[in-house]
Amino acid sequence: MPTFRGVRLVSNQDAVLRNGLAAEWLMNESGSTLTDTSGNGNDGTIYGATWYTLPSGYKVLRFDGVDDYVESPSSTSLDMTSEFTVLSWVMLLGSSLDPVHRILRYGSQYTIGIDSDTNKIGGFVWVGTWKGSWGLSSGTVTVGVWSHVGMRFKDGKISMYLNGVEDGGESTGSPIDGASGVLQLGQWTASMPHRLYGLLGPTRIYRRGLQVWEIQAIMNYDKALMGV
């Protein structure tokens, strides 16, 4: 397959975007519901977060780091055991009052966020205990700049991705065996908020461990979509 500036070119973009797609929130809408465009019905209710229009005209969600979040009910489409990938665009707007800028979590199975002190991305999966770290990545997310962040779990290993490059990880040696639960964007729970202070762009969950070139292709697709 041909490449351009080191990025693999994709002749059929939808073949990558839709393969194994469990949830897809493209943003760019209005109102109090965040629509899941994967076809799996994982629509979310927006609590406090507001729509923010980028210079390109594309809309994303703004989380104030205090009491904003999105919640979607538990779904078998989001239950994972052996492998999955979470991808999201995020722009931090400043320091969080909480230990973690939480991006996404699903029940007690998996979660991804950004450490408030170091701005490193990290995540956890439940394999009988929480396995992972908020400081898994080597690189850091820059405040005020759009960053593409990702978490892949495959072959018993957590791998983090920053702007299309694998950047840190940890082996777990076990499959996920956590419980189903609500999905939340922008926080963990009300009792352990870990809320996001920033903007959230297109966010997806896949029921497979994507290859690096696929992550890069999706990143570039979303970058053009948002006009950033």
C-alpha atoms as a PDB file:
ATOM      1  CA  MET A   1       0.000   0.000   0.000  1.00  0.00           C
ATOM      2  CA  PRO A   2       1.431   3.443  -0.915  1.00  0.00           C
ATOM      3  CA  THR A   3       2.541   5.954   1.678  1.00  0.00           C
ATOM      4  CA  PHE A   4       2.799   9.738   1.829  1.00  0.00           C
ATOM      5  CA  ARG A   5       5.270  11.334   4.257  1.00  0.00           C
ATOM      6  CA  GLY A   6       5.420   8.073   6.153  1.00  0.00           C
ATOM      7  CA  VAL A   7       1.634   7.707   6.476  1.00  0.00           C
ATOM      8  CA  ARG A   8      -0.030   4.781   4.774  1.00  0.00           C
ATOM      9  CA  LEU A   9      -2.608   5.840   2.206  1.00  0.00           C
ATOM     10  CA  VAL A  10      -6.018   4.140   2.274  1.00  0.00           C
ATOM     11  CA  SER A  11      -7.991   3.577  -0.927  1.00  0.00           C
ATOM     12  CA  ASN A  12     -11.210   2.698   0.932  1.00  0.00           C
ATOM     13  CA  GLN A  13     -11.400   4.897   4.026  1.00  0.00           C
ATOM     14  CA  ASP A  14     -14.710   3.411   5.198  1.00  0.00           C
ATOM     15  CA  ALA A  15     -13.172  -0.067   5.284  1.00  0.00           C
ATOM     16  CA  VAL A  16     -10.922   1.186   8.103  1.00  0.00           C
ATOM     17  CA  LEU A  17     -13.407   3.527   9.791  1.00  0.00           C
ATOM     18  CA  ARG A  18     -16.238   0.976  10.051  1.00  0.00           C
ATOM     19  CA  ASN A  19     -14.370  -2.294  10.639  1.00  0.00           C
ATOM     20  CA  GLY A  20     -15.132  -3.413  14.190  1.00  0.00           C
ATOM     21  CA  LEU A  21     -16.664  -0.057  15.128  1.00  0.00           C
ATOM     22  CA  ALA A  22     -18.479  -0.253  18.478  1.00  0.00           C
ATOM     23  CA  ALA A  23     -19.217   3.447  19.018  1.00  0.00           C
ATOM     24  CA  GLU A  24     -18.576   6.665  17.118  1.00  0.00           C
ATOM     25  CA  TRP A  25     -19.298  10.173  18.349  1.00  0.00           C
ATOM     26  CA  LEU A  26     -18.398  12.643  15.604  1.00  0.00           C
ATOM     27  CA  MET A  27     -19.654  15.696  17.532  1.00  0.00           C
ATOM     28  CA  ASN A  28     -20.637  18.539  15.123  1.00  0.00           C
ATOM     29  CA  GLU A  29     -24.264  18.697  16.248  1.00  0.00           C
ATOM     30  CA  SER A  30     -26.368  20.583  18.799  1.00  0.00           C
ATOM     31  CA  GLY A  31     -28.774  19.921  21.633  1.00  0.00           C
ATOM     32  CA  SER A  32     -28.498  17.719  24.724  1.00  0.00           C
ATOM     33  CA  THR A  33     -27.896  14.362  23.004  1.00  0.00           C
ATOM     34  CA  LEU A  34     -24.587  13.126  21.593  1.00  0.00           C
ATOM     35  CA  THR A  35     -25.353  10.803  18.703  1.00  0.00           C
ATOM     36  CA  ASP A  36     -23.543   7.504  18.160  1.00  0.00           C
ATOM     37  CA  THR A  37     -23.137   7.123  14.401  1.00  0.00           C
ATOM     38  CA  SER A  38     -21.815   3.541  14.560  1.00  0.00           C
ATOM     39  CA  GLY A  39     -25.311   2.078  14.307  1.00  0.00           C
ATOM     40  CA  ASN A  40     -25.066   0.508  17.769  1.00  0.00           C
ATOM     41  CA  GLY A  41     -27.278   3.046  19.509  1.00  0.00           C
ATOM     42  CA  ASN A  42     -24.774   4.294  22.087  1.00  0.00           C
ATOM     43  CA  ASP A  43     -26.235   7.788  22.196  1.00  0.00           C
ATOM     44  CA  GLY A  44     -25.172   9.871  25.189  1.00  0.00           C
ATOM     45  CA  THR A  45     -26.980  12.442  27.311  1.00  0.00           C
ATOM     46  CA  ILE A  46     -24.996  15.662  27.719  1.00  0.00           C
ATOM     47  CA  TYR A  47     -24.804  17.066  31.241  1.00  0.00           C
ATOM     48  CA  GLY A  48     -23.380  20.580  31.353  1.00  0.00           C
ATOM     49  CA  ALA A  49     -20.925  20.276  28.468  1.00  0.00           C
ATOM     50  CA  THR A  50     -21.528  22.874  25.767  1.00  0.00           C
ATOM     51  CA  TRP A  51     -21.070  22.974  22.005  1.00  0.00           C
ATOM     52  CA  TYR A  52     -18.028  24.934  20.871  1.00  0.00           C
ATOM     53  CA  THR A  53     -17.555  26.018  17.244  1.00  0.00           C
ATOM     54  CA  LEU A  54     -14.042  25.807  15.790  1.00  0.00           C
ATOM     55  CA  PRO A  55     -12.774  28.397  13.261  1.00  0.00           C
ATOM     56  CA  SER A  56     -13.546  25.844  10.527  1.00  0.00           C
ATOM     57  CA  GLY A  57     -17.201  25.788  11.612  1.00  0.00           C
ATOM     58  CA  TYR A  58     -16.978  22.266  13.037  1.00  0.00           C
ATOM     59  CA  LYS A  59     -18.529  21.791  16.480  1.00  0.00           C
ATOM     60  CA  VAL A  60     -16.928  19.957  19.396  1.00  0.00           C
ATOM     61  CA  LEU A  61     -17.876  19.590  23.058  1.00  0.00           C
ATOM     62  CA  ARG A  62     -16.390  21.820  25.741  1.00  0.00           C
ATOM     63  CA  PHE A  63     -16.000  20.424  29.262  1.00  0.00           C
ATOM     64  CA  ASP A  64     -15.442  22.909  32.104  1.00  0.00           C
ATOM     65  CA  GLY A  65     -13.594  20.525  34.453  1.00  0.00           C
ATOM     66  CA  VAL A  66     -16.163  21.102  37.205  1.00  0.00           C
ATOM     67  CA  ASP A  67     -19.397  19.232  36.529  1.00  0.00           C
ATOM     68  CA  ASP A  68     -19.619  18.494  32.781  1.00  0.00           C
ATOM     69  CA  TYR A  69     -19.906  14.988  31.343  1.00  0.00           C
ATOM     70  CA  VAL A  70     -21.731  12.775  28.844  1.00  0.00           C
ATOM     71  CA  GLU A  71     -23.333   9.471  29.832  1.00  0.00           C
ATOM     72  CA  SER A  72     -24.528   6.511  27.776  1.00  0.00           C
ATOM     73  CA  PRO A  73     -26.139   3.305  29.147  1.00  0.00           C
ATOM     74  CA  SER A  74     -24.284   0.003  29.287  1.00  0.00           C
ATOM     75  CA  SER A  75     -24.287  -1.946  26.030  1.00  0.00           C
ATOM     76  CA  THR A  76     -23.063  -5.333  24.878  1.00  0.00           C
ATOM     77  CA  SER A  77     -21.441  -3.539  21.935  1.00  0.00           C
ATOM     78  CA  LEU A  78     -19.069  -1.838  24.415  1.00  0.00           C
ATOM     79  CA  ASP A  79     -18.184  -4.975  26.416  1.00  0.00           C
ATOM     80  CA  MET A  80     -14.585  -6.003  25.726  1.00  0.00           C
ATOM     81  CA  THR A  81     -12.433  -8.976  26.711  1.00  0.00           C
ATOM     82  CA  SER A  82      -9.445  -9.706  24.484  1.00  0.00           C
ATOM     83  CA  GLU A  83      -8.897  -6.566  22.405  1.00  0.00           C
ATOM     84  CA  PHE A  84     -10.190  -3.070  21.688  1.00  0.00           C
ATOM     85  CA  THR A  85      -9.055   0.422  20.650  1.00  0.00           C
ATOM     86  CA  VAL A  86     -10.204   3.854  21.846  1.00  0.00           C
ATOM     87  CA  LEU A  87      -9.323   6.946  19.784  1.00  0.00           C
ATOM     88  CA  SER A  88     -10.151  10.570  20.537  1.00  0.00           C
ATOM     89  CA  TRP A  89      -9.219  14.144  19.718  1.00  0.00           C
ATOM     90  CA  VAL A  90      -8.702  16.369  22.758  1.00  0.00           C
ATOM     91  CA  MET A  91      -7.497  19.880  23.517  1.00  0.00           C
ATOM     92  CA  LEU A  92      -6.700  20.659  27.143  1.00  0.00           C
ATOM     93  CA  LEU A  93      -7.669  24.192  28.148  1.00  0.00           C
ATOM     94  CA  GLY A  94      -5.610  24.339  31.328  1.00  0.00           C
ATOM     95  CA  SER A  95      -4.824  22.515  34.555  1.00  0.00           C
ATOM     96  CA  SER A  96      -7.496  20.280  36.047  1.00  0.00           C
ATOM     97  CA  LEU A  97      -8.626  20.481  39.664  1.00  0.00           C
ATOM     98  CA  ASP A  98      -8.691  16.667  39.610  1.00  0.00           C
ATOM     99  CA  PRO A  99      -5.784  14.189  39.326  1.00  0.00           C
ATOM    100  CA  VAL A 100      -6.870  13.118  35.842  1.00  0.00           C
ATOM    101  CA  HIS A 101      -8.442  14.720  32.783  1.00  0.00           C
ATOM    102  CA  ARG A 102     -10.803  11.818  32.187  1.00  0.00           C
ATOM    103  CA  ILE A 103     -11.604  11.250  28.523  1.00  0.00           C
ATOM    104  CA  LEU A 104     -13.636   8.044  28.590  1.00  0.00           C
ATOM    105  CA  ARG A 105     -14.476   5.120  30.819  1.00  0.00           C
ATOM    106  CA  TYR A 106     -16.791   2.131  30.455  1.00  0.00           C
ATOM    107  CA  GLY A 107     -18.013   0.345  33.588  1.00  0.00           C
ATOM    108  CA  SER A 108     -15.118  -1.340  35.337  1.00  0.00           C
ATOM    109  CA  GLN A 109     -13.611  -2.607  32.078  1.00  0.00           C
ATOM    110  CA  TYR A 110     -11.475   0.180  30.595  1.00  0.00           C
ATOM    111  CA  THR A 111     -10.669   3.872  30.836  1.00  0.00           C
ATOM    112  CA  ILE A 112      -8.380   6.462  29.249  1.00  0.00           C
ATOM    113  CA  GLY A 113      -7.307   9.890  30.470  1.00  0.00           C
ATOM    114  CA  ILE A 114      -4.502  12.420  30.804  1.00  0.00           C
ATOM    115  CA  ASP A 115      -2.538  12.889  34.032  1.00  0.00           C
ATOM    116  CA  SER A 116      -3.115  16.416  35.364  1.00  0.00           C
ATOM    117  CA  ASP A 117       0.436  16.859  36.679  1.00  0.00           C
ATOM    118  CA  THR A 118       2.471  15.459  33.795  1.00  0.00           C
ATOM    119  CA  ASN A 119       0.009  15.734  30.853  1.00  0.00           C
ATOM    120  CA  LYS A 120       0.924  12.169  29.891  1.00  0.00           C
ATOM    121  CA  ILE A 121      -1.818   9.920  28.568  1.00  0.00           C
ATOM    122  CA  GLY A 122      -2.605   6.621  30.199  1.00  0.00           C
ATOM    123  CA  GLY A 123      -5.285   4.069  30.794  1.00  0.00           C
ATOM    124  CA  PHE A 124      -6.389   1.095  32.806  1.00  0.00           C
ATOM    125  CA  VAL A 125      -8.120  -2.207  32.095  1.00  0.00           C
ATOM    126  CA  TRP A 126      -9.641  -4.518  34.692  1.00  0.00           C
ATOM    127  CA  VAL A 127      -7.999  -7.961  34.679  1.00  0.00           C
ATOM    128  CA  GLY A 128      -8.956  -8.968  38.219  1.00  0.00           C
ATOM    129  CA  THR A 129      -7.378  -5.743  39.405  1.00  0.00           C
ATOM    130  CA  TRP A 130      -6.824  -2.416  37.676  1.00  0.00           C
ATOM    131  CA  LYS A 131      -3.778  -2.717  35.445  1.00  0.00           C
ATOM    132  CA  GLY A 132      -2.173   0.292  33.837  1.00  0.00           C
ATOM    133  CA  SER A 133      -1.037   3.794  34.699  1.00  0.00           C
ATOM    134  CA  TRP A 134      -1.904   7.423  34.079  1.00  0.00           C
ATOM    135  CA  GLY A 135       1.722   7.953  33.038  1.00  0.00           C
ATOM    136  CA  LEU A 136       2.130   5.297  30.347  1.00  0.00           C
ATOM    137  CA  SER A 137       3.042   7.619  27.484  1.00  0.00           C
ATOM    138  CA  SER A 138       6.500   9.100  27.043  1.00  0.00           C
ATOM    139  CA  GLY A 139       5.261  12.186  25.246  1.00  0.00           C
ATOM    140  CA  THR A 140       2.913  14.777  26.682  1.00  0.00           C
ATOM    141  CA  VAL A 141      -0.240  16.529  25.576  1.00  0.00           C
ATOM    142  CA  THR A 142       0.283  20.264  25.051  1.00  0.00           C
ATOM    143  CA  VAL A 143      -2.301  22.605  26.577  1.00  0.00           C
ATOM    144  CA  GLY A 144      -4.140  24.631  23.931  1.00  0.00           C
ATOM    145  CA  VAL A 145      -3.188  22.289  21.071  1.00  0.00           C
ATOM    146  CA  TRP A 146      -5.284  19.539  19.508  1.00  0.00           C
ATOM    147  CA  SER A 147      -3.849  16.081  20.227  1.00  0.00           C
ATOM    148  CA  HIS A 148      -4.954  12.708  18.929  1.00  0.00           C
ATOM    149  CA  VAL A 149      -4.805  10.182  21.765  1.00  0.00           C
ATOM    150  CA  GLY A 150      -5.395   6.460  21.703  1.00  0.00           C
ATOM    151  CA  MET A 151      -5.400   3.328  23.797  1.00  0.00           C
ATOM    152  CA  ARG A 152      -5.167  -0.182  22.375  1.00  0.00           C
ATOM    153  CA  PHE A 153      -5.499  -3.453  24.266  1.00  0.00           C
ATOM    154  CA  LYS A 154      -4.350  -6.533  22.384  1.00  0.00           C
ATOM    155  CA  ASP A 155      -2.481  -9.751  23.215  1.00  0.00           C
ATOM    156  CA  GLY A 156      -2.576  -8.862  26.907  1.00  0.00           C
ATOM    157  CA  LYS A 157      -0.877  -5.490  26.429  1.00  0.00           C
ATOM    158  CA  ILE A 158      -1.993  -1.892  26.875  1.00  0.00           C
ATOM    159  CA  SER A 159      -0.487   0.419  24.263  1.00  0.00           C
ATOM    160  CA  MET A 160      -0.873   4.191  24.224  1.00  0.00           C
ATOM    161  CA  TYR A 161      -0.802   6.348  21.087  1.00  0.00           C
ATOM    162  CA  LEU A 162      -0.079  10.054  20.804  1.00  0.00           C
ATOM    163  CA  ASN A 163      -0.632  11.771  17.446  1.00  0.00           C
ATOM    164  CA  GLY A 164      -0.540   8.496  15.546  1.00  0.00           C
ATOM    165  CA  VAL A 165       2.616   7.120  17.150  1.00  0.00           C
ATOM    166  CA  GLU A 166       2.811   4.277  19.678  1.00  0.00           C
ATOM    167  CA  ASP A 167       4.113   5.891  22.828  1.00  0.00           C
ATOM    168  CA  GLY A 168       4.368   3.613  25.844  1.00  0.00           C
ATOM    169  CA  GLY A 169       2.557   0.578  27.171  1.00  0.00           C
ATOM    170  CA  GLU A 170       2.318  -2.180  29.723  1.00  0.00           C
ATOM    171  CA  SER A 171       1.655  -5.917  29.629  1.00  0.00           C
ATOM    172  CA  THR A 172      -1.226  -7.294  31.681  1.00  0.00           C
ATOM    173  CA  GLY A 173      -0.974 -10.969  30.788  1.00  0.00           C
ATOM    174  CA  SER A 174      -4.719 -11.416  31.209  1.00  0.00           C
ATOM    175  CA  PRO A 175      -7.963 -10.701  29.364  1.00  0.00           C
ATOM    176  CA  ILE A 176     -10.439  -8.101  30.589  1.00  0.00           C
ATOM    177  CA  ASP A 177     -12.997  -9.444  33.061  1.00  0.00           C
ATOM    178  CA  GLY A 178     -14.536  -6.233  34.415  1.00  0.00           C
ATOM    179  CA  ALA A 179     -18.257  -5.578  34.715  1.00  0.00           C
ATOM    180  CA  SER A 180     -20.495  -3.713  32.307  1.00  0.00           C
ATOM    181  CA  GLY A 181     -21.676  -0.269  33.330  1.00  0.00           C
ATOM    182  CA  VAL A 182     -22.469   3.167  32.028  1.00  0.00           C
ATOM    183  CA  LEU A 183     -20.109   4.849  29.602  1.00  0.00           C
ATOM    184  CA  GLN A 184     -19.011   8.345  30.478  1.00  0.00           C
ATOM    185  CA  LEU A 185     -17.095  10.952  28.526  1.00  0.00           C
ATOM    186  CA  GLY A 186     -15.386  13.675  30.531  1.00  0.00           C
ATOM    187  CA  GLN A 187     -15.542  12.115  34.002  1.00  0.00           C
ATOM    188  CA  TRP A 188     -15.291   8.900  36.023  1.00  0.00           C
ATOM    189  CA  THR A 189     -18.135   9.137  38.540  1.00  0.00           C
ATOM    190  CA  ALA A 190     -19.684  11.866  40.642  1.00  0.00           C
ATOM    191  CA  SER A 191     -17.892  10.503  43.722  1.00  0.00           C
ATOM    192  CA  MET A 192     -14.530  10.306  41.895  1.00  0.00           C
ATOM    193  CA  PRO A 193     -14.969  13.023  39.291  1.00  0.00           C
ATOM    194  CA  HIS A 194     -11.628  13.090  37.436  1.00  0.00           C
ATOM    195  CA  ARG A 195     -13.210  15.565  35.063  1.00  0.00           C
ATOM    196  CA  LEU A 196     -11.893  16.863  31.759  1.00  0.00           C
ATOM    197  CA  TYR A 197     -11.096  20.532  31.331  1.00  0.00           C
ATOM    198  CA  GLY A 198     -10.901  20.839  27.588  1.00  0.00           C
ATOM    199  CA  LEU A 199     -12.441  20.284  24.182  1.00  0.00           C
ATOM    200  CA  LEU A 200     -13.392  16.831  22.910  1.00  0.00           C
ATOM    201  CA  GLY A 201     -13.536  16.020  19.206  1.00  0.00           C
ATOM    202  CA  PRO A 202     -14.429  12.833  17.289  1.00  0.00           C
ATOM    203  CA  THR A 203     -14.169   9.802  19.565  1.00  0.00           C
ATOM    204  CA  ARG A 204     -14.420   6.126  18.636  1.00  0.00           C
ATOM    205  CA  ILE A 205     -14.290   2.674  20.228  1.00  0.00           C
ATOM    206  CA  TYR A 206     -13.355  -0.399  18.195  1.00  0.00           C
ATOM    207  CA  ARG A 207     -13.818  -4.056  19.067  1.00  0.00           C
ATOM    208  CA  ARG A 208     -10.348  -4.887  17.745  1.00  0.00           C
ATOM    209  CA  GLY A 209      -6.766  -3.814  18.171  1.00  0.00           C
ATOM    210  CA  LEU A 210      -6.091  -1.426  15.299  1.00  0.00           C
ATOM    211  CA  GLN A 211      -2.750  -1.381  13.511  1.00  0.00           C
ATOM    212  CA  VAL A 212      -0.647   1.770  13.651  1.00  0.00           C
ATOM    213  CA  TRP A 213      -1.342   2.689  10.021  1.00  0.00           C
ATOM    214  CA  GLU A 214      -5.093   2.393  10.688  1.00  0.00           C
ATOM    215  CA  ILE A 215      -4.835   4.720  13.675  1.00  0.00           C
ATOM    216  CA  GLN A 216      -2.921   7.205  11.521  1.00  0.00           C
ATOM    217  CA  ALA A 217      -5.491   6.973   8.720  1.00  0.00           C
ATOM    218  CA  ILE A 218      -8.366   7.663  11.137  1.00  0.00           C
ATOM    219  CA  MET A 219      -6.414  10.509  12.733  1.00  0.00           C
ATOM    220  CA  ASN A 220      -5.845  12.164   9.346  1.00  0.00           C
ATOM    221  CA  TYR A 221      -9.482  11.655   8.356  1.00  0.00           C
ATOM    222  CA  ASP A 222     -10.686  13.394  11.538  1.00  0.00           C
ATOM    223  CA  LYS A 223      -8.128  16.154  11.182  1.00  0.00           C
ATOM    224  CA  ALA A 224      -9.565  17.025   7.780  1.00  0.00           C
ATOM    225  CA  LEU A 225     -13.103  16.632   9.139  1.00  0.00           C
ATOM    226  CA  MET A 226     -12.515  19.178  11.907  1.00  0.00           C
ATOM    227  CA  GLY A 227     -10.357  21.453   9.776  1.00  0.00           C
ATOM    228  CA  VAL A 228      -7.514  21.665  12.300  1.00  0.00           C
END
